[in-house]
Amino acid sequence: VWVKSVQISNTITSIGTDAFFYCDELEFITIPESVETIGNCAFARCIFSSIKIPRSVASFGGNPFAYCRKLEVIDVSENPNFVFLDGVLMDREMTQIICCSSSKSGNYTIPDTVTTIYDCAFRGCAKLTSITIPDSVRHIGDEAFEDCSSLASVAIPDSVVSIGMSLFAYCYSLTSV
C-alpha cells in the first residue's frame, strides 16, 4: 500500500533530510505550524502539485522538493521568511535560492540580489536549458545543478568563491561551463 496523504503531528518541530524521499505516490501533505526546519530532499520525488509552508518554518537544509516533477506552487503567502517567485523559492531578501520547481523549463536568470545557491537547489530540473548566474553569487552548494539533463551551458562568474561537490552530475547535455 502506497501512502497518498500525510498529516504531520503538531508536536513535530523538524522534518529531517530524506524524510519522505521516494514516497512516489504522496499527493498531499499538511505541514503543521509547529515545524521550524525542513531538511534537504525531505519530500523528494513526491507527486503533489502544491504545498503550503506555514509561517513557523524559518529554515531549510537544502532543496526539500528535488524531483517533485508535478510541483508548481510553493505557497509561502503566510510565511514572512520566504518568497516564491517565477518558480523559485528564496529567502525574503532574495539573497538565497533554496529550490527551483522541477517543472520549470527554458532559461532562468538568477536575480542579482542572490549570493548563495543552496545544496541541490536546481536538482532534477530536467527542463531547464540555461541558467544565468550573476556576479552577486559567491557560494554554490553541493549538487546544485545535479540532473539538469537539458542544461546546455552555464557561466560561473569570478565572484564565486566556493563550489560544492557534484555540481553538474548527470547533466548530460552540458557542453559549456
C-alpha atoms as a PDB file:
ATOM      1  CA  VAL A   1       0.000   0.000   0.000  1.00  0.00           C
ATOM      2  CA  TRP A   2       1.400   3.384  -1.051  1.00  0.00           C
ATOM      3  CA  VAL A   3       0.879   6.456   1.139  1.00  0.00           C
ATOM      4  CA  LYS A   4      -1.071   9.131  -0.727  1.00  0.00           C
ATOM      5  CA  SER A   5      -1.689  11.615   2.101  1.00  0.00           C
ATOM      6  CA  VAL A   6       0.168  12.589   5.280  1.00  0.00           C
ATOM      7  CA  GLN A   7      -0.911  14.724   8.228  1.00  0.00           C
ATOM      8  CA  ILE A   8       2.180  15.516  10.288  1.00  0.00           C
ATOM      9  CA  SER A   9       1.660  15.732  14.056  1.00  0.00           C
ATOM     10  CA  ASN A  10       1.696  19.199  15.579  1.00  0.00           C
ATOM     11  CA  THR A  11       4.387  18.027  18.013  1.00  0.00           C
ATOM     12  CA  ILE A  12       6.962  17.781  15.213  1.00  0.00           C
ATOM     13  CA  THR A  13       9.395  20.726  15.003  1.00  0.00           C
ATOM     14  CA  SER A  14      11.724  19.446  12.289  1.00  0.00           C
ATOM     15  CA  ILE A  15      11.259  17.382   9.135  1.00  0.00           C
ATOM     16  CA  GLY A  16      14.605  15.718   8.521  1.00  0.00           C
ATOM     17  CA  THR A  17      16.694  15.142   5.434  1.00  0.00           C
ATOM     18  CA  ASP A  18      15.144  12.497   3.137  1.00  0.00           C
ATOM     19  CA  ALA A  19      12.132  12.093   5.493  1.00  0.00           C
ATOM     20  CA  PHE A  20       9.659  11.325   2.676  1.00  0.00           C
ATOM     21  CA  PHE A  21      12.171  10.680  -0.131  1.00  0.00           C
ATOM     22  CA  TYR A  22      10.803   8.128  -2.615  1.00  0.00           C
ATOM     23  CA  CYS A  23       7.212   8.465  -1.422  1.00  0.00           C
ATOM     24  CA  ASP A  24       6.351   8.408  -5.117  1.00  0.00           C
ATOM     25  CA  GLU A  25       2.587   8.298  -4.528  1.00  0.00           C
ATOM     26  CA  LEU A  26       2.405  11.113  -1.943  1.00  0.00           C
ATOM     27  CA  GLU A  27      -0.106  13.601  -3.354  1.00  0.00           C
ATOM     28  CA  PHE A  28      -0.986  15.664  -0.285  1.00  0.00           C
ATOM     29  CA  ILE A  29       0.813  16.654   2.890  1.00  0.00           C
ATOM     30  CA  THR A  30      -0.054  19.083   5.646  1.00  0.00           C
ATOM     31  CA  ILE A  31       2.832  20.736   7.472  1.00  0.00           C
ATOM     32  CA  PRO A  32       1.729  21.974  10.909  1.00  0.00           C
ATOM     33  CA  GLU A  33       2.617  25.336  12.493  1.00  0.00           C
ATOM     34  CA  SER A  34       4.986  23.532  14.875  1.00  0.00           C
ATOM     35  CA  VAL A  35       7.547  22.798  12.124  1.00  0.00           C
ATOM     36  CA  GLU A  36      10.512  25.193  12.146  1.00  0.00           C
ATOM     37  CA  THR A  37      13.023  23.461   9.841  1.00  0.00           C
ATOM     38  CA  ILE A  38      12.772  21.249   6.768  1.00  0.00           C
ATOM     39  CA  GLY A  39      15.762  19.186   5.608  1.00  0.00           C
ATOM     40  CA  ASN A  40      17.307  18.609   2.202  1.00  0.00           C
ATOM     41  CA  CYS A  41      15.280  16.250  -0.010  1.00  0.00           C
ATOM     42  CA  ALA A  42      12.638  15.913   2.733  1.00  0.00           C
ATOM     43  CA  PHE A  43       9.894  15.471   0.108  1.00  0.00           C
ATOM     44  CA  ALA A  44      11.993  14.425  -2.895  1.00  0.00           C
ATOM     45  CA  ARG A  45      10.043  12.606  -5.622  1.00  0.00           C
ATOM     46  CA  CYS A  46       6.616  13.265  -4.077  1.00  0.00           C
ATOM     47  CA  ILE A  47       3.877  13.998  -6.596  1.00  0.00           C
ATOM     48  CA  PHE A  48       1.898  16.844  -5.029  1.00  0.00           C
ATOM     49  CA  SER A  49       1.318  19.854  -7.282  1.00  0.00           C
ATOM     50  CA  SER A  50       1.335  22.411  -4.477  1.00  0.00           C
ATOM     51  CA  ILE A  51       2.438  22.674  -0.867  1.00  0.00           C
ATOM     52  CA  LYS A  52       1.875  25.269   1.842  1.00  0.00           C
ATOM     53  CA  ILE A  53       4.810  26.287   4.030  1.00  0.00           C
ATOM     54  CA  PRO A  54       3.460  27.574   7.365  1.00  0.00           C
ATOM     55  CA  ARG A  55       4.728  30.758   8.976  1.00  0.00           C
ATOM     56  CA  SER A  56       6.619  28.755  11.612  1.00  0.00           C
ATOM     57  CA  VAL A  57       9.187  27.431   9.099  1.00  0.00           C
ATOM     58  CA  ALA A  58      12.334  29.525   9.456  1.00  0.00           C
ATOM     59  CA  SER A  59      14.935  27.470   7.593  1.00  0.00           C
ATOM     60  CA  PHE A  60      15.626  24.790   5.015  1.00  0.00           C
ATOM     61  CA  GLY A  61      18.645  22.484   4.925  1.00  0.00           C
ATOM     62  CA  GLY A  62      18.748  22.477   1.133  1.00  0.00           C
ATOM     63  CA  ASN A  63      16.145  21.727  -1.541  1.00  0.00           C
ATOM     64  CA  PRO A  64      13.311  19.798   0.131  1.00  0.00           C
ATOM     65  CA  PHE A  65      11.458  19.267  -3.176  1.00  0.00           C
ATOM     66  CA  ALA A  66      14.040  17.751  -5.544  1.00  0.00           C
ATOM     67  CA  TYR A  67      12.471  15.707  -8.341  1.00  0.00           C
ATOM     68  CA  CYS A  68       8.916  16.769  -7.427  1.00  0.00           C
ATOM     69  CA  ARG A  69       8.005  16.883 -11.124  1.00  0.00           C
ATOM     70  CA  LYS A  70       4.385  17.977 -10.583  1.00  0.00           C
ATOM     71  CA  LEU A  71       5.146  20.696  -8.019  1.00  0.00           C
ATOM     72  CA  GLU A  72       4.252  24.095  -9.418  1.00  0.00           C
ATOM     73  CA  VAL A  73       3.253  26.119  -6.352  1.00  0.00           C
ATOM     74  CA  ILE A  74       5.070  26.532  -3.052  1.00  0.00           C
ATOM     75  CA  ASP A  75       2.662  28.650  -1.022  1.00  0.00           C
ATOM     76  CA  VAL A  76       4.585  30.911   1.350  1.00  0.00           C
ATOM     77  CA  SER A  77       1.903  33.621   1.437  1.00  0.00           C
ATOM     78  CA  GLU A  78       1.621  33.370   5.231  1.00  0.00           C
ATOM     79  CA  ASN A  79       5.348  32.910   5.863  1.00  0.00           C
ATOM     80  CA  PRO A  80       7.310  36.146   6.401  1.00  0.00           C
ATOM     81  CA  ASN A  81      10.672  34.456   5.771  1.00  0.00           C
ATOM     82  CA  PHE A  82      10.369  33.360   2.123  1.00  0.00           C
ATOM     83  CA  VAL A  83       9.157  34.274  -1.365  1.00  0.00           C
ATOM     84  CA  PHE A  84       8.182  32.031  -4.265  1.00  0.00           C
ATOM     85  CA  LEU A  85       8.852  33.943  -7.449  1.00  0.00           C
ATOM     86  CA  ASP A  86       8.934  32.663 -11.021  1.00  0.00           C
ATOM     87  CA  GLY A  87       9.030  29.029  -9.836  1.00  0.00           C
ATOM     88  CA  VAL A  88      11.899  29.608  -7.396  1.00  0.00           C
ATOM     89  CA  LEU A  89      11.808  29.560  -3.572  1.00  0.00           C
ATOM     90  CA  MET A  90      14.096  32.156  -1.963  1.00  0.00           C
ATOM     91  CA  ASP A  91      14.557  33.857   1.379  1.00  0.00           C
ATOM     92  CA  ARG A  92      12.547  37.089   1.771  1.00  0.00           C
ATOM     93  CA  GLU A  93      15.568  39.279   0.913  1.00  0.00           C
ATOM     94  CA  MET A  94      16.161  37.184  -2.221  1.00  0.00           C
ATOM     95  CA  THR A  95      19.803  36.508  -1.312  1.00  0.00           C
ATOM     96  CA  GLN A  96      19.488  32.710  -1.130  1.00  0.00           C
ATOM     97  CA  ILE A  97      17.984  30.328  -3.669  1.00  0.00           C
ATOM     98  CA  ILE A  98      16.539  27.388  -1.760  1.00  0.00           C
ATOM     99  CA  CYS A  99      14.975  25.492  -4.645  1.00  0.00           C
ATOM    100  CA  CYS A 100      13.587  25.691  -8.121  1.00  0.00           C
ATOM    101  CA  SER A 101      10.406  23.916  -9.121  1.00  0.00           C
ATOM    102  CA  SER A 102      11.257  20.787 -11.137  1.00  0.00           C
ATOM    103  CA  SER A 103       8.529  21.764 -13.606  1.00  0.00           C
ATOM    104  CA  LYS A 104      10.377  24.981 -14.566  1.00  0.00           C
ATOM    105  CA  SER A 105      11.567  24.991 -18.168  1.00  0.00           C
ATOM    106  CA  GLY A 106      13.640  27.063 -20.578  1.00  0.00           C
ATOM    107  CA  ASN A 107      16.080  29.725 -19.477  1.00  0.00           C
ATOM    108  CA  TYR A 108      16.384  31.163 -15.979  1.00  0.00           C
ATOM    109  CA  THR A 109      18.276  34.262 -14.902  1.00  0.00           C
ATOM    110  CA  ILE A 110      19.116  34.313 -11.213  1.00  0.00           C
ATOM    111  CA  PRO A 111      18.261  37.697  -9.634  1.00  0.00           C
ATOM    112  CA  ASP A 112      21.291  39.901  -8.989  1.00  0.00           C
ATOM    113  CA  THR A 113      20.463  40.027  -5.265  1.00  0.00           C
ATOM    114  CA  VAL A 114      21.336  36.331  -4.816  1.00  0.00           C
ATOM    115  CA  THR A 115      24.617  35.494  -3.056  1.00  0.00           C
ATOM    116  CA  THR A 116      24.036  31.804  -2.236  1.00  0.00           C
ATOM    117  CA  ILE A 117      22.601  28.848  -4.146  1.00  0.00           C
ATOM    118  CA  TYR A 118      21.632  26.084  -1.706  1.00  0.00           C
ATOM    119  CA  ASP A 119      22.623  22.424  -1.931  1.00  0.00           C
ATOM    120  CA  CYS A 120      20.541  20.683  -4.623  1.00  0.00           C
ATOM    121  CA  ALA A 121      18.706  23.944  -5.430  1.00  0.00           C
ATOM    122  CA  PHE A 122      18.120  23.060  -9.104  1.00  0.00           C
ATOM    123  CA  ARG A 123      18.471  19.276  -8.710  1.00  0.00           C
ATOM    124  CA  GLY A 124      16.232  17.406 -11.118  1.00  0.00           C
ATOM    125  CA  CYS A 125      15.149  20.470 -13.126  1.00  0.00           C
ATOM    126  CA  ALA A 126      15.249  18.421 -16.316  1.00  0.00           C
ATOM    127  CA  LYS A 127      13.528  21.074 -18.466  1.00  0.00           C
ATOM    128  CA  LEU A 128      15.914  23.961 -17.759  1.00  0.00           C
ATOM    129  CA  THR A 129      18.130  24.668 -20.769  1.00  0.00           C
ATOM    130  CA  SER A 130      20.257  27.530 -19.443  1.00  0.00           C
ATOM    131  CA  ILE A 131      20.909  29.363 -16.193  1.00  0.00           C
ATOM    132  CA  THR A 132      22.479  32.799 -15.932  1.00  0.00           C
ATOM    133  CA  ILE A 133      24.406  33.327 -12.700  1.00  0.00           C
ATOM    134  CA  PRO A 134      25.042  36.980 -11.778  1.00  0.00           C
ATOM    135  CA  ASP A 135      28.222  38.441 -10.259  1.00  0.00           C
ATOM    136  CA  SER A 136      26.457  38.722  -6.884  1.00  0.00           C
ATOM    137  CA  VAL A 137      26.669  34.931  -6.325  1.00  0.00           C
ATOM    138  CA  ARG A 138      29.515  33.876  -4.026  1.00  0.00           C
ATOM    139  CA  HIS A 139      28.555  30.346  -2.910  1.00  0.00           C
ATOM    140  CA  ILE A 140      27.105  27.408  -4.848  1.00  0.00           C
ATOM    141  CA  GLY A 141      26.143  24.341  -2.801  1.00  0.00           C
ATOM    142  CA  ASP A 142      26.683  20.628  -3.353  1.00  0.00           C
ATOM    143  CA  GLU A 143      24.810  19.092  -6.289  1.00  0.00           C
ATOM    144  CA  ALA A 144      23.201  22.469  -7.008  1.00  0.00           C
ATOM    145  CA  PHE A 145      22.573  21.628 -10.687  1.00  0.00           C
ATOM    146  CA  GLU A 146      22.628  17.830 -10.487  1.00  0.00           C
ATOM    147  CA  ASP A 147      20.462  16.006 -13.022  1.00  0.00           C
ATOM    148  CA  CYS A 148      19.528  19.102 -15.014  1.00  0.00           C
ATOM    149  CA  SER A 149      19.576  16.877 -18.065  1.00  0.00           C
ATOM    150  CA  SER A 150      18.664  19.604 -20.605  1.00  0.00           C
ATOM    151  CA  LEU A 151      21.086  22.209 -19.253  1.00  0.00           C
ATOM    152  CA  ALA A 152      23.423  23.099 -22.118  1.00  0.00           C
ATOM    153  CA  SER A 153      25.551  25.917 -20.732  1.00  0.00           C
ATOM    154  CA  VAL A 154      26.344  27.770 -17.527  1.00  0.00           C
ATOM    155  CA  ALA A 155      28.770  30.617 -16.913  1.00  0.00           C
ATOM    156  CA  ILE A 156      30.172  30.753 -13.388  1.00  0.00           C
ATOM    157  CA  PRO A 157      31.283  34.307 -12.589  1.00  0.00           C
ATOM    158  CA  ASP A 158      34.585  35.189 -10.921  1.00  0.00           C
ATOM    159  CA  SER A 159      32.621  36.331  -7.847  1.00  0.00           C
ATOM    160  CA  VAL A 160      32.025  32.691  -6.827  1.00  0.00           C
ATOM    161  CA  VAL A 161      34.418  31.705  -4.029  1.00  0.00           C
ATOM    162  CA  SER A 162      33.049  28.253  -3.176  1.00  0.00           C
ATOM    163  CA  ILE A 163      31.543  25.483  -5.291  1.00  0.00           C
ATOM    164  CA  GLY A 164      30.107  22.311  -3.807  1.00  0.00           C
ATOM    165  CA  MET A 165      30.662  18.692  -4.829  1.00  0.00           C
ATOM    166  CA  SER A 166      28.993  17.050  -7.834  1.00  0.00           C
ATOM    167  CA  LEU A 167      27.790  20.397  -9.107  1.00  0.00           C
ATOM    168  CA  PHE A 168      26.865  19.155 -12.604  1.00  0.00           C
ATOM    169  CA  ALA A 169      26.449  15.401 -12.039  1.00  0.00           C
ATOM    170  CA  TYR A 170      24.178  13.804 -14.657  1.00  0.00           C
ATOM    171  CA  CYS A 171      23.980  16.973 -16.751  1.00  0.00           C
ATOM    172  CA  TYR A 172      24.333  15.051 -19.996  1.00  0.00           C
ATOM    173  CA  SER A 173      23.527  17.974 -22.306  1.00  0.00           C
ATOM    174  CA  LEU A 174      26.062  20.316 -20.731  1.00  0.00           C
ATOM    175  CA  THR A 175      28.584  21.440 -23.344  1.00  0.00           C
ATOM    176  CA  SER A 176      29.948  24.657 -21.828  1.00  0.00           C
ATOM    177  CA  VAL A 177      30.865  25.769 -18.311  1.00  0.00           C
END
